[in-house]
PDB file of N, CA and C in Angstrom:
ATOM      1  N   UNK A   1       0.907  -1.095   0.080  1.00  0.00           N
ATOM      2  CA  UNK A   1       0.086   0.350   0.041  1.00  0.00           C
ATOM      3  C   UNK A   1       0.924   1.560   0.075  1.00  0.00           C
ATOM      4  N   UNK A   2       2.326   0.961   0.790  1.00  0.00           N
ATOM      5  CA  UNK A   2       2.743   2.347   0.812  1.00  0.00           C
ATOM      6  C   UNK A   2       3.185   2.688  -0.658  1.00  0.00           C
ATOM      7  N   UNK A   3       3.420   1.824  -1.505  1.00  0.00           N
ATOM      8  CA  UNK A   3       3.952   1.993  -2.288  1.00  0.00           C
ATOM      9  C   UNK A   3       3.080   2.465  -3.399  1.00  0.00           C
ATOM     10  N   UNK A   4       2.153   2.547  -3.339  1.00  0.00           N
ATOM     11  CA  UNK A   4       1.086   3.431  -4.078  1.00  0.00           C
ATOM     12  C   UNK A   4       1.360   4.866  -4.224  1.00  0.00           C
ATOM     13  N   UNK A   5       1.500   5.037  -2.748  1.00  0.00           N
ATOM     14  CA  UNK A   5       1.076   6.436  -2.505  1.00  0.00           C
ATOM     15  C   UNK A   5       2.274   7.198  -2.976  1.00  0.00           C
ATOM     16  N   UNK A   6       3.264   6.697  -3.613  1.00  0.00           N
ATOM     17  CA  UNK A   6       4.396   7.253  -4.230  1.00  0.00           C
ATOM     18  C   UNK A   6       4.202   7.572  -5.595  1.00  0.00           C
ATOM     19  N   UNK A   7       3.481   6.737  -6.118  1.00  0.00           N
ATOM     20  CA  UNK A   7       2.664   6.568  -7.898  1.00  0.00           C
ATOM     21  C   UNK A   7       2.247   7.898  -8.374  1.00  0.00           C
ATOM     22  N   UNK A   8       1.433   8.175  -7.273  1.00  0.00           N
ATOM     23  CA  UNK A   8       0.919   9.643  -7.979  1.00  0.00           C
ATOM     24  C   UNK A   8       1.751  10.742  -8.087  1.00  0.00           C
ATOM     25  N   UNK A   9       2.514  11.115  -6.910  1.00  0.00           N
ATOM     26  CA  UNK A   9       3.157  12.577  -7.080  1.00  0.00           C
ATOM     27  C   UNK A   9       4.336  11.963  -8.781  1.00  0.00           C
ATOM     28  N   UNK A  10       4.971  11.108  -8.551  1.00  0.00           N
ATOM     29  CA  UNK A  10       6.060  10.560  -9.410  1.00  0.00           C
ATOM     30  C   UNK A  10       4.942  11.172 -10.937  1.00  0.00           C
ATOM     31  N   UNK A  11       3.980  10.489 -11.343  1.00  0.00           N
ATOM     32  CA  UNK A  11       3.154  10.221 -12.345  1.00  0.00           C
ATOM     33  C   UNK A  11       2.931  12.142 -12.878  1.00  0.00           C
ATOM     34  N   UNK A  12       2.672  12.788 -11.623  1.00  0.00           N
ATOM     35  CA  UNK A  12       2.112  13.867 -11.983  1.00  0.00           C
ATOM     36  C   UNK A  12       3.562  15.234 -11.936  1.00  0.00           C
ATOM     37  N   UNK A  13       4.264  14.509 -11.343  1.00  0.00           N
ATOM     38  CA  UNK A  13       5.675  15.577 -11.123  1.00  0.00           C
ATOM     39  C   UNK A  13       6.259  15.259 -13.130  1.00  0.00           C
ATOM     40  N   UNK A  14       6.126  13.964 -13.661  1.00  0.00           N
ATOM     41  CA  UNK A  14       6.306  13.462 -14.887  1.00  0.00           C
ATOM     42  C   UNK A  14       5.540  14.148 -16.485  1.00  0.00           C
ATOM     43  N   UNK A  15       3.729  14.443 -15.571  1.00  0.00           N
ATOM     44  CA  UNK A  15       3.021  15.179 -16.485  1.00  0.00           C
ATOM     45  C   UNK A  15       3.493  16.631 -16.513  1.00  0.00           C
ATOM     46  N   UNK A  16       3.746  17.541 -15.188  1.00  0.00           N
ATOM     47  CA  UNK A  16       4.112  18.978 -15.125  1.00  0.00           C
ATOM     48  C   UNK A  16       5.159  19.001 -15.996  1.00  0.00           C
ATOM     49  N   UNK A  17       6.560  18.056 -16.220  1.00  0.00           N
ATOM     50  CA  UNK A  17       7.482  18.352 -16.474  1.00  0.00           C
ATOM     51  C   UNK A  17       6.856  18.293 -18.357  1.00  0.00           C
ATOM     52  N   UNK A  18       6.619  17.261 -18.778  1.00  0.00           N
ATOM     53  CA  UNK A  18       6.085  17.032 -20.121  1.00  0.00           C
ATOM     54  C   UNK A  18       5.672  18.575 -20.502  1.00  0.00           C
ATOM     55  N   UNK A  19       4.352  18.882 -19.939  1.00  0.00           N
ATOM     56  CA  UNK A  19       3.867  19.819 -20.211  1.00  0.00           C
ATOM     57  C   UNK A  19       4.599  21.785 -19.754  1.00  0.00           C
ATOM     58  N   UNK A  20       5.181  21.484 -18.790  1.00  0.00           N
ATOM     59  CA  UNK A  20       6.258  22.804 -19.129  1.00  0.00           C
ATOM     60  C   UNK A  20       7.419  22.549 -20.357  1.00  0.00           C
ATOM     61  N   UNK A  21       7.690  21.591 -20.822  1.00  0.00           N
ATOM     62  CA  UNK A  21       8.590  22.079 -21.841  1.00  0.00           C
ATOM     63  C   UNK A  21       7.662  22.030 -23.114  1.00  0.00           C
ATOM     64  N   UNK A  22       6.250  21.581 -23.000  1.00  0.00           N
ATOM     65  CA  UNK A  22       5.203  22.130 -24.177  1.00  0.00           C
ATOM     66  C   UNK A  22       5.274  23.171 -24.502  1.00  0.00           C
ATOM     67  N   UNK A  23       4.733  23.866 -23.110  1.00  0.00           N
ATOM     68  CA  UNK A  23       4.631  25.513 -22.978  1.00  0.00           C
ATOM     69  C   UNK A  23       5.869  26.199 -23.759  1.00  0.00           C
ATOM     70  N   UNK A  24       6.989  26.003 -23.017  1.00  0.00           N
ATOM     71  CA  UNK A  24       7.865  26.486 -23.288  1.00  0.00           C
ATOM     72  C   UNK A  24       8.170  27.040 -24.687  1.00  0.00           C
ATOM     73  N   UNK A  25       7.706  25.845 -25.612  1.00  0.00           N
ATOM     74  CA  UNK A  25       7.648  25.948 -26.795  1.00  0.00           C
ATOM     75  C   UNK A  25       6.591  26.938 -27.985  1.00  0.00           C
ATOM     76  N   UNK A  26       5.733  27.188 -26.930  1.00  0.00           N
ATOM     77  CA  UNK A  26       5.197  27.975 -27.509  1.00  0.00           C
ATOM     78  C   UNK A  26       5.088  29.484 -27.323  1.00  0.00           C
ATOM     79  N   UNK A  27       4.243  30.241 -27.937  1.00  0.00           N
ATOM     80  CA  UNK A  27       4.521  31.428 -27.823  1.00  0.00           C
ATOM     81  C   UNK A  27       3.980  32.255 -27.052  1.00  0.00           C
ATOM     82  N   UNK A  28       4.262  33.620 -26.546  1.00  0.00           N
ATOM     83  CA  UNK A  28       4.410  33.939 -24.852  1.00  0.00           C
ATOM     84  C   UNK A  28       2.602  34.010 -24.820  1.00  0.00           C
ATOM     85  N   UNK A  29       1.990  34.951 -25.924  1.00  0.00           N
ATOM     86  CA  UNK A  29       0.977  35.031 -25.537  1.00  0.00           C
ATOM     87  C   UNK A  29      -0.137  33.904 -25.007  1.00  0.00           C
ATOM     88  N   UNK A  30       0.380  32.656 -26.562  1.00  0.00           N
ATOM     89  CA  UNK A  30      -0.696  31.575 -26.691  1.00  0.00           C
ATOM     90  C   UNK A  30      -0.184  30.837 -25.348  1.00  0.00           C
ATOM     91  N   UNK A  31       1.085  30.675 -24.407  1.00  0.00           N
ATOM     92  CA  UNK A  31       1.517  29.719 -23.195  1.00  0.00           C
ATOM     93  C   UNK A  31       1.062  31.066 -21.799  1.00  0.00           C
ATOM     94  N   UNK A  32       0.581  32.281 -22.006  1.00  0.00           N
ATOM     95  CA  UNK A  32      -0.458  32.766 -20.699  1.00  0.00           C
ATOM     96  C   UNK A  32      -1.467  32.067 -21.272  1.00  0.00           C
ATOM     97  N   UNK A  33      -2.081  32.563 -21.953  1.00  0.00           N
ATOM     98  CA  UNK A  33      -3.722  31.591 -22.371  1.00  0.00           C
ATOM     99  C   UNK A  33      -3.949  30.471 -21.896  1.00  0.00           C
ATOM    100  N   UNK A  34      -3.005  29.500 -21.939  1.00  0.00           N
ATOM    101  CA  UNK A  34      -2.947  28.487 -21.324  1.00  0.00           C
ATOM    102  C   UNK A  34      -2.965  28.166 -20.282  1.00  0.00           C
ATOM    103  N   UNK A  35      -2.260  28.827 -19.377  1.00  0.00           N
ATOM    104  CA  UNK A  35      -2.415  28.915 -18.075  1.00  0.00           C
ATOM    105  C   UNK A  35      -3.173  29.520 -17.425  1.00  0.00           C
ATOM    106  N   UNK A  36      -3.991  30.595 -18.279  1.00  0.00           N
ATOM    107  CA  UNK A  36      -4.944  30.864 -17.668  1.00  0.00           C
ATOM    108  C   UNK A  36      -6.103  29.861 -17.836  1.00  0.00           C
ATOM    109  N   UNK A  37      -6.147  29.453 -19.018  1.00  0.00           N
ATOM    110  CA  UNK A  37      -7.260  28.308 -19.060  1.00  0.00           C
ATOM    111  C   UNK A  37      -7.340  27.170 -18.032  1.00  0.00           C
ATOM    112  N   UNK A  38      -5.958  26.639 -17.684  1.00  0.00           N
ATOM    113  CA  UNK A  38      -6.208  25.800 -16.687  1.00  0.00           C
ATOM    114  C   UNK A  38      -6.014  25.908 -15.317  1.00  0.00           C
ATOM    115  N   UNK A  39      -6.217  27.453 -14.995  1.00  0.00           N
ATOM    116  CA  UNK A  39      -5.927  27.935 -13.845  1.00  0.00           C
ATOM    117  C   UNK A  39      -7.619  27.783 -13.664  1.00  0.00           C
ATOM    118  N   UNK A  40      -8.547  27.902 -14.580  1.00  0.00           N
ATOM    119  CA  UNK A  40     -10.179  28.422 -14.183  1.00  0.00           C
ATOM    120  C   UNK A  40     -10.351  26.819 -14.114  1.00  0.00           C
ATOM    121  N   UNK A  41     -10.040  26.152 -15.068  1.00  0.00           N
ATOM    122  CA  UNK A  41     -10.596  24.778 -15.311  1.00  0.00           C
ATOM    123  C   UNK A  41     -10.186  23.891 -14.412  1.00  0.00           C
ATOM    124  N   UNK A  42      -8.888  24.031 -13.509  1.00  0.00           N
ATOM    125  CA  UNK A  42      -8.770  23.283 -12.483  1.00  0.00           C
ATOM    126  C   UNK A  42      -9.083  24.209 -10.708  1.00  0.00           C
ATOM    127  N   UNK A  43      -9.468  25.291 -10.822  1.00  0.00           N
ATOM    128  CA  UNK A  43     -10.114  25.996  -9.538  1.00  0.00           C
ATOM    129  C   UNK A  43     -11.371  25.878  -9.651  1.00  0.00           C
ATOM    130  N   UNK A  44     -12.070  25.577 -10.942  1.00  0.00           N
ATOM    131  CA  UNK A  44     -13.316  25.265 -11.183  1.00  0.00           C
ATOM    132  C   UNK A  44     -13.828  23.818 -10.416  1.00  0.00           C
ATOM    133  N   UNK A  45     -13.373  22.756 -11.356  1.00  0.00           N
ATOM    134  CA  UNK A  45     -13.205  21.238 -10.695  1.00  0.00           C
ATOM    135  C   UNK A  45     -12.774  21.641  -8.966  1.00  0.00           C
ATOM    136  N   UNK A  46     -11.994  22.146  -8.526  1.00  0.00           N
ATOM    137  CA  UNK A  46     -11.862  22.011  -7.024  1.00  0.00           C
ATOM    138  C   UNK A  46     -12.947  22.538  -6.197  1.00  0.00           C
ATOM    139  N   UNK A  47     -13.475  23.796  -6.986  1.00  0.00           N
ATOM    140  CA  UNK A  47     -14.446  24.811  -6.210  1.00  0.00           C
ATOM    141  C   UNK A  47     -15.389  23.654  -5.979  1.00  0.00           C
ATOM    142  N   UNK A  48     -15.862  23.193  -7.159  1.00  0.00           N
ATOM    143  CA  UNK A  48     -17.102  22.161  -7.356  1.00  0.00           C
ATOM    144  C   UNK A  48     -16.952  21.087  -6.146  1.00  0.00           C
ATOM    145  N   UNK A  49     -15.926  20.555  -5.969  1.00  0.00           N
ATOM    146  CA  UNK A  49     -15.354  19.398  -5.475  1.00  0.00           C
ATOM    147  C   UNK A  49     -15.538  20.058  -3.782  1.00  0.00           C
ATOM    148  N   UNK A  50     -15.127  20.932  -3.478  1.00  0.00           N
ATOM    149  CA  UNK A  50     -14.940  21.555  -2.115  1.00  0.00           C
ATOM    150  C   UNK A  50     -16.730  21.320  -1.904  1.00  0.00           C
ATOM    151  N   UNK A  51     -17.493  22.268  -2.340  1.00  0.00           N
ATOM    152  CA  UNK A  51     -18.808  22.565  -2.089  1.00  0.00           C
ATOM    153  C   UNK A  51     -19.508  20.935  -2.167  1.00  0.00           C
ATOM    154  N   UNK A  52     -19.221  19.583  -2.953  1.00  0.00           N
ATOM    155  CA  UNK A  52     -19.717  18.576  -3.089  1.00  0.00           C
ATOM    156  C   UNK A  52     -19.600  18.014  -1.826  1.00  0.00           C
ATOM    157  N   UNK A  53     -18.047  17.975  -1.561  1.00  0.00           N
ATOM    158  CA  UNK A  53     -17.663  17.118  -0.086  1.00  0.00           C
ATOM    159  C   UNK A  53     -18.160  17.771   1.021  1.00  0.00           C
ATOM    160  N   UNK A  54     -18.598  19.155   0.934  1.00  0.00           N
ATOM    161  CA  UNK A  54     -19.132  19.483   1.723  1.00  0.00           C
ATOM    162  C   UNK A  54     -20.648  19.266   2.439  1.00  0.00           C
ATOM    163  N   UNK A  55     -21.515  19.527   1.150  1.00  0.00           N
ATOM    164  CA  UNK A  55     -22.445  19.043   0.926  1.00  0.00           C
ATOM    165  C   UNK A  55     -22.917  17.455   1.410  1.00  0.00           C
ATOM    166  N   UNK A  56     -22.247  16.786   1.037  1.00  0.00           N
ATOM    167  CA  UNK A  56     -22.205  14.750   1.255  1.00  0.00           C
ATOM    168  C   UNK A  56     -21.693  14.887   2.737  1.00  0.00           C
ATOM    169  N   UNK A  57     -20.801  15.874   3.158  1.00  0.00           N
ATOM    170  CA  UNK A  57     -20.749  15.686   4.979  1.00  0.00           C
ATOM    171  C   UNK A  57     -22.254  15.764   5.540  1.00  0.00           C
ATOM    172  N   UNK A  58     -23.062  16.645   5.181  1.00  0.00           N
ATOM    173  CA  UNK A  58     -24.192  17.308   5.808  1.00  0.00           C
ATOM    174  C   UNK A  58     -25.301  16.692   5.123  1.00  0.00           C
ATOM    175  N   UNK A  59     -25.099  15.880   4.465  1.00  0.00           N
ATOM    176  CA  UNK A  59     -26.862  15.430   3.838  1.00  0.00           C
ATOM    177  C   UNK A  59     -26.270  13.834   3.420  1.00  0.00           C
ATOM    178  N   UNK A  60     -25.545  13.275   2.984  1.00  0.00           N
ATOM    179  CA  UNK A  60     -24.987  11.929   2.339  1.00  0.00           C
ATOM    180  C   UNK A  60     -25.251  12.237   0.762  1.00  0.00           C
ATOM    181  N   UNK A  61     -25.065  11.507   0.000  1.00  0.00           N
ATOM    182  CA  UNK A  61     -25.118  11.454  -1.267  1.00  0.00           C
ATOM    183  C   UNK A  61     -26.411  10.792  -1.996  1.00  0.00           C
ATOM    184  N   UNK A  62     -27.575  10.689  -1.108  1.00  0.00           N
ATOM    185  CA  UNK A  62     -28.788  10.165  -1.548  1.00  0.00           C
ATOM    186  C   UNK A  62     -29.541  11.088  -1.561  1.00  0.00           C
ATOM    187  N   UNK A  63     -29.783  11.929  -2.308  1.00  0.00           N
ATOM    188  CA  UNK A  63     -30.557  13.232  -2.583  1.00  0.00           C
ATOM    189  C   UNK A  63     -30.508  14.168  -3.731  1.00  0.00           C
ATOM    190  N   UNK A  64     -31.468  14.825  -3.560  1.00  0.00           N
ATOM    191  CA  UNK A  64     -31.292  15.714  -4.838  1.00  0.00           C
ATOM    192  C   UNK A  64     -30.629  16.770  -5.074  1.00  0.00           C
ATOM    193  N   UNK A  65     -30.215  17.030  -3.624  1.00  0.00           N
ATOM    194  CA  UNK A  65     -29.552  18.334  -3.885  1.00  0.00           C
ATOM    195  C   UNK A  65     -27.761  17.910  -4.367  1.00  0.00           C
ATOM    196  N   UNK A  66     -27.431  16.807  -3.776  1.00  0.00           N
ATOM    197  CA  UNK A  66     -26.544  15.675  -4.271  1.00  0.00           C
ATOM    198  C   UNK A  66     -26.144  15.720  -5.808  1.00  0.00           C
ATOM    199  N   UNK A  67     -27.049  15.588  -6.564  1.00  0.00           N
ATOM    200  CA  UNK A  67     -27.392  15.172  -7.710  1.00  0.00           C
ATOM    201  C   UNK A  67     -27.608  16.571  -8.370  1.00  0.00           C
ATOM    202  N   UNK A  68     -27.980  17.798  -8.010  1.00  0.00           N
ATOM    203  CA  UNK A  68     -27.439  18.666  -8.759  1.00  0.00           C
ATOM    204  C   UNK A  68     -26.368  19.428  -8.445  1.00  0.00           C
ATOM    205  N   UNK A  69     -25.697  19.216  -7.587  1.00  0.00           N
ATOM    206  CA  UNK A  69     -24.459  19.947  -7.443  1.00  0.00           C
ATOM    207  C   UNK A  69     -23.357  18.748  -8.303  1.00  0.00           C
ATOM    208  N   UNK A  70     -24.019  17.887  -8.715  1.00  0.00           N
ATOM    209  CA  UNK A  70     -22.466  16.990  -8.919  1.00  0.00           C
ATOM    210  C   UNK A  70     -23.087  17.041 -10.421  1.00  0.00           C
TER     211      UNK A  70
END
């Protein structure tokens, strides 16, 4: 089980490094727009997950509110 804890950070590091190399070869304006889009996408996903987790802690996952948020 402990070995699985290291797989995630290693895979994420490989992804970030390869994406960083991709961004380095783009024009500056395009690179900035990619970073902005990534921030909006990841921020939105994390925001929805936080709200959904809070709702699930309070009301469980077997109700209409959970379905609407999800």
